Amino acid sequence: LAIAYYPKEELRTFWGHTFRWPAQLFLRSWCKRAITTGLGPLKTMAKTLLRLEEGLLNYFEHRISSGPMEGTNNKIKTVQRQSYGIRDREYFELTLYSLHQTKYALVG
């Protein structure tokens, strides 16, 4: 039970590092330990993290997240779905330009 619990929870501390080199040491150490557990999903995750290591570590140099961009892309997809059948391209473009002013509320 402890082996299955600690690696997943410990990985959250990766984002708490301030500098790239300690984060890199932590990530490589975590992945090595995760692979040695022999647990399939954990090994797969560790190998994926190692493959994406450079991109993950770039965060510590630039502190930029792709979250806002992905959110905007999701809003654009929502507008596309909602405007299906509207043939006025100019109206569609104006709708996209006004996305930053739109506030969405959860319904339910």
C-alpha atoms as a PDB file:
ATOM      1  CA  LEU A   1       0.000   0.000   0.000  1.00  0.00           C
ATOM      2  CA  ALA A   2       2.769   2.462   0.830  1.00  0.00           C
ATOM      3  CA  ILE A   3       4.494   1.855  -2.515  1.00  0.00           C
ATOM      4  CA  ALA A   4       1.322   2.635  -4.480  1.00  0.00           C
ATOM      5  CA  TYR A   5       0.616   5.752  -2.420  1.00  0.00           C
ATOM      6  CA  TYR A   6       3.885   7.625  -1.985  1.00  0.00           C
ATOM      7  CA  PRO A   7       5.054   8.076  -5.591  1.00  0.00           C
ATOM      8  CA  LYS A   8       1.843   9.686  -6.809  1.00  0.00           C
ATOM      9  CA  GLU A   9       1.534  12.042  -3.845  1.00  0.00           C
ATOM     10  CA  GLU A  10       5.227  12.881  -3.741  1.00  0.00           C
ATOM     11  CA  LEU A  11       5.221  13.950  -7.394  1.00  0.00           C
ATOM     12  CA  ARG A  12       3.101  16.985  -6.462  1.00  0.00           C
ATOM     13  CA  THR A  13       6.131  18.533  -4.777  1.00  0.00           C
ATOM     14  CA  PHE A  14       7.860  18.771  -8.177  1.00  0.00           C
ATOM     15  CA  TRP A  15       6.041  22.050  -8.896  1.00  0.00           C
ATOM     16  CA  GLY A  16       7.131  23.500  -5.556  1.00  0.00           C
ATOM     17  CA  HIS A  17      10.769  23.737  -6.620  1.00  0.00           C
ATOM     18  CA  THR A  18      12.142  27.182  -7.351  1.00  0.00           C
ATOM     19  CA  PHE A  19      14.973  26.315  -9.721  1.00  0.00           C
ATOM     20  CA  ARG A  20      15.398  23.981 -12.673  1.00  0.00           C
ATOM     21  CA  TRP A  21      18.301  21.828 -11.429  1.00  0.00           C
ATOM     22  CA  PRO A  22      16.694  20.660  -8.162  1.00  0.00           C
ATOM     23  CA  ALA A  23      13.461  19.993 -10.047  1.00  0.00           C
ATOM     24  CA  GLN A  24      15.389  17.919 -12.590  1.00  0.00           C
ATOM     25  CA  LEU A  25      17.118  15.911  -9.862  1.00  0.00           C
ATOM     26  CA  PHE A  26      13.805  15.342  -8.120  1.00  0.00           C
ATOM     27  CA  LEU A  27      12.037  14.284 -11.335  1.00  0.00           C
ATOM     28  CA  ARG A  28      14.743  11.820 -12.358  1.00  0.00           C
ATOM     29  CA  SER A  29      14.894  10.352  -8.872  1.00  0.00           C
ATOM     30  CA  TRP A  30      11.112  10.020  -8.707  1.00  0.00           C
ATOM     31  CA  CYS A  31      10.955   8.350 -12.109  1.00  0.00           C
ATOM     32  CA  LYS A  32      13.728   5.901 -11.218  1.00  0.00           C
ATOM     33  CA  ARG A  33      11.923   4.892  -8.026  1.00  0.00           C
ATOM     34  CA  ALA A  34       8.570   4.676  -9.819  1.00  0.00           C
ATOM     35  CA  ILE A  35      10.009   2.359 -12.471  1.00  0.00           C
ATOM     36  CA  THR A  36      11.553   0.081  -9.837  1.00  0.00           C
ATOM     37  CA  THR A  37       8.171  -0.416  -8.124  1.00  0.00           C
ATOM     38  CA  GLY A  38       7.165  -2.750 -10.936  1.00  0.00           C
ATOM     39  CA  LEU A  39       3.666  -1.262 -11.057  1.00  0.00           C
ATOM     40  CA  GLY A  40       2.600  -0.985 -14.707  1.00  0.00           C
ATOM     41  CA  PRO A  41       0.716   2.330 -14.634  1.00  0.00           C
ATOM     42  CA  LEU A  42       3.412   3.973 -12.510  1.00  0.00           C
ATOM     43  CA  LYS A  43       6.161   2.753 -14.847  1.00  0.00           C
ATOM     44  CA  THR A  44       4.238   4.090 -17.854  1.00  0.00           C
ATOM     45  CA  MET A  45       3.780   7.458 -16.175  1.00  0.00           C
ATOM     46  CA  ALA A  46       7.462   7.670 -15.231  1.00  0.00           C
ATOM     47  CA  LYS A  47       8.566   6.892 -18.780  1.00  0.00           C
ATOM     48  CA  THR A  48       6.184   9.523 -20.123  1.00  0.00           C
ATOM     49  CA  LEU A  49       7.536  12.118 -17.683  1.00  0.00           C
ATOM     50  CA  LEU A  50      11.104  11.319 -18.717  1.00  0.00           C
ATOM     51  CA  ARG A  51      10.150  11.672 -22.376  1.00  0.00           C
ATOM     52  CA  LEU A  52       8.596  15.081 -21.633  1.00  0.00           C
ATOM     53  CA  GLU A  53      11.305  16.130 -19.186  1.00  0.00           C
ATOM     54  CA  GLU A  54      12.664  19.070 -21.192  1.00  0.00           C
ATOM     55  CA  GLY A  55       9.241  20.644 -21.610  1.00  0.00           C
ATOM     56  CA  LEU A  56       8.380  20.157 -17.946  1.00  0.00           C
ATOM     57  CA  LEU A  57      11.650  21.706 -16.825  1.00  0.00           C
ATOM     58  CA  ASN A  58      11.199  24.706 -19.113  1.00  0.00           C
ATOM     59  CA  TYR A  59       8.519  25.859 -16.682  1.00  0.00           C
ATOM     60  CA  PHE A  60      11.228  26.613 -14.114  1.00  0.00           C
ATOM     61  CA  GLU A  61      13.020  28.920 -16.554  1.00  0.00           C
ATOM     62  CA  HIS A  62      10.051  30.804 -17.975  1.00  0.00           C
ATOM     63  CA  ARG A  63       7.168  30.243 -15.496  1.00  0.00           C
ATOM     64  CA  ILE A  64       4.677  30.128 -18.352  1.00  0.00           C
ATOM     65  CA  SER A  65       1.689  27.804 -18.312  1.00  0.00           C
ATOM     66  CA  SER A  66      -0.326  26.760 -21.344  1.00  0.00           C
ATOM     67  CA  GLY A  67      -3.511  26.789 -19.226  1.00  0.00           C
ATOM     68  CA  PRO A  68      -4.849  30.179 -20.395  1.00  0.00           C
ATOM     69  CA  MET A  69      -4.221  29.291 -24.033  1.00  0.00           C
ATOM     70  CA  GLU A  70      -5.978  25.934 -23.668  1.00  0.00           C
ATOM     71  CA  GLY A  71      -8.907  27.672 -21.977  1.00  0.00           C
ATOM     72  CA  THR A  72      -9.208  30.111 -24.883  1.00  0.00           C
ATOM     73  CA  ASN A  73      -9.103  27.230 -27.363  1.00  0.00           C
ATOM     74  CA  ASN A  74     -11.924  25.523 -25.472  1.00  0.00           C
ATOM     75  CA  LYS A  75     -13.983  28.736 -25.592  1.00  0.00           C
ATOM     76  CA  ILE A  76     -13.425  28.941 -29.358  1.00  0.00           C
ATOM     77  CA  LYS A  77     -14.597  25.342 -29.787  1.00  0.00           C
ATOM     78  CA  THR A  78     -17.700  26.136 -27.723  1.00  0.00           C
ATOM     79  CA  VAL A  79     -18.507  29.152 -29.919  1.00  0.00           C
ATOM     80  CA  GLN A  80     -18.014  27.003 -33.016  1.00  0.00           C
ATOM     81  CA  ARG A  81     -20.494  24.426 -31.722  1.00  0.00           C
ATOM     82  CA  GLN A  82     -23.009  27.067 -30.683  1.00  0.00           C
ATOM     83  CA  SER A  83     -22.800  28.899 -34.001  1.00  0.00           C
ATOM     84  CA  TYR A  84     -23.219  25.841 -36.193  1.00  0.00           C
ATOM     85  CA  GLY A  85     -25.328  26.878 -39.132  1.00  0.00           C
ATOM     86  CA  ILE A  86     -24.544  30.593 -38.936  1.00  0.00           C
ATOM     87  CA  ARG A  87     -23.196  31.606 -42.317  1.00  0.00           C
ATOM     88  CA  ASP A  88     -22.095  35.137 -41.467  1.00  0.00           C
ATOM     89  CA  ARG A  89     -18.328  34.768 -41.082  1.00  0.00           C
ATOM     90  CA  GLU A  90     -17.901  38.375 -39.919  1.00  0.00           C
ATOM     91  CA  TYR A  91     -20.346  37.796 -37.043  1.00  0.00           C
ATOM     92  CA  PHE A  92     -18.452  34.646 -36.086  1.00  0.00           C
ATOM     93  CA  GLU A  93     -15.133  36.553 -36.057  1.00  0.00           C
ATOM     94  CA  LEU A  94     -16.624  39.342 -33.922  1.00  0.00           C
ATOM     95  CA  THR A  95     -17.885  36.713 -31.493  1.00  0.00           C
ATOM     96  CA  LEU A  96     -14.371  35.287 -31.221  1.00  0.00           C
ATOM     97  CA  TYR A  97     -12.867  38.735 -30.600  1.00  0.00           C
ATOM     98  CA  SER A  98     -15.319  39.292 -27.733  1.00  0.00           C
ATOM     99  CA  LEU A  99     -14.458  36.000 -25.997  1.00  0.00           C
ATOM    100  CA  HIS A 100     -12.325  37.690 -23.346  1.00  0.00           C
ATOM    101  CA  GLN A 101     -15.397  39.609 -22.192  1.00  0.00           C
ATOM    102  CA  THR A 102     -17.618  36.524 -21.972  1.00  0.00           C
ATOM    103  CA  LYS A 103     -18.241  34.991 -18.581  1.00  0.00           C
ATOM    104  CA  TYR A 104     -19.466  31.418 -18.392  1.00  0.00           C
ATOM    105  CA  ALA A 105     -21.497  30.078 -15.490  1.00  0.00           C
ATOM    106  CA  LEU A 106     -21.991  26.483 -14.508  1.00  0.00           C
ATOM    107  CA  VAL A 107     -25.606  25.467 -14.824  1.00  0.00           C
ATOM    108  CA  GLY A 108     -27.053  22.787 -12.655  1.00  0.00           C
END
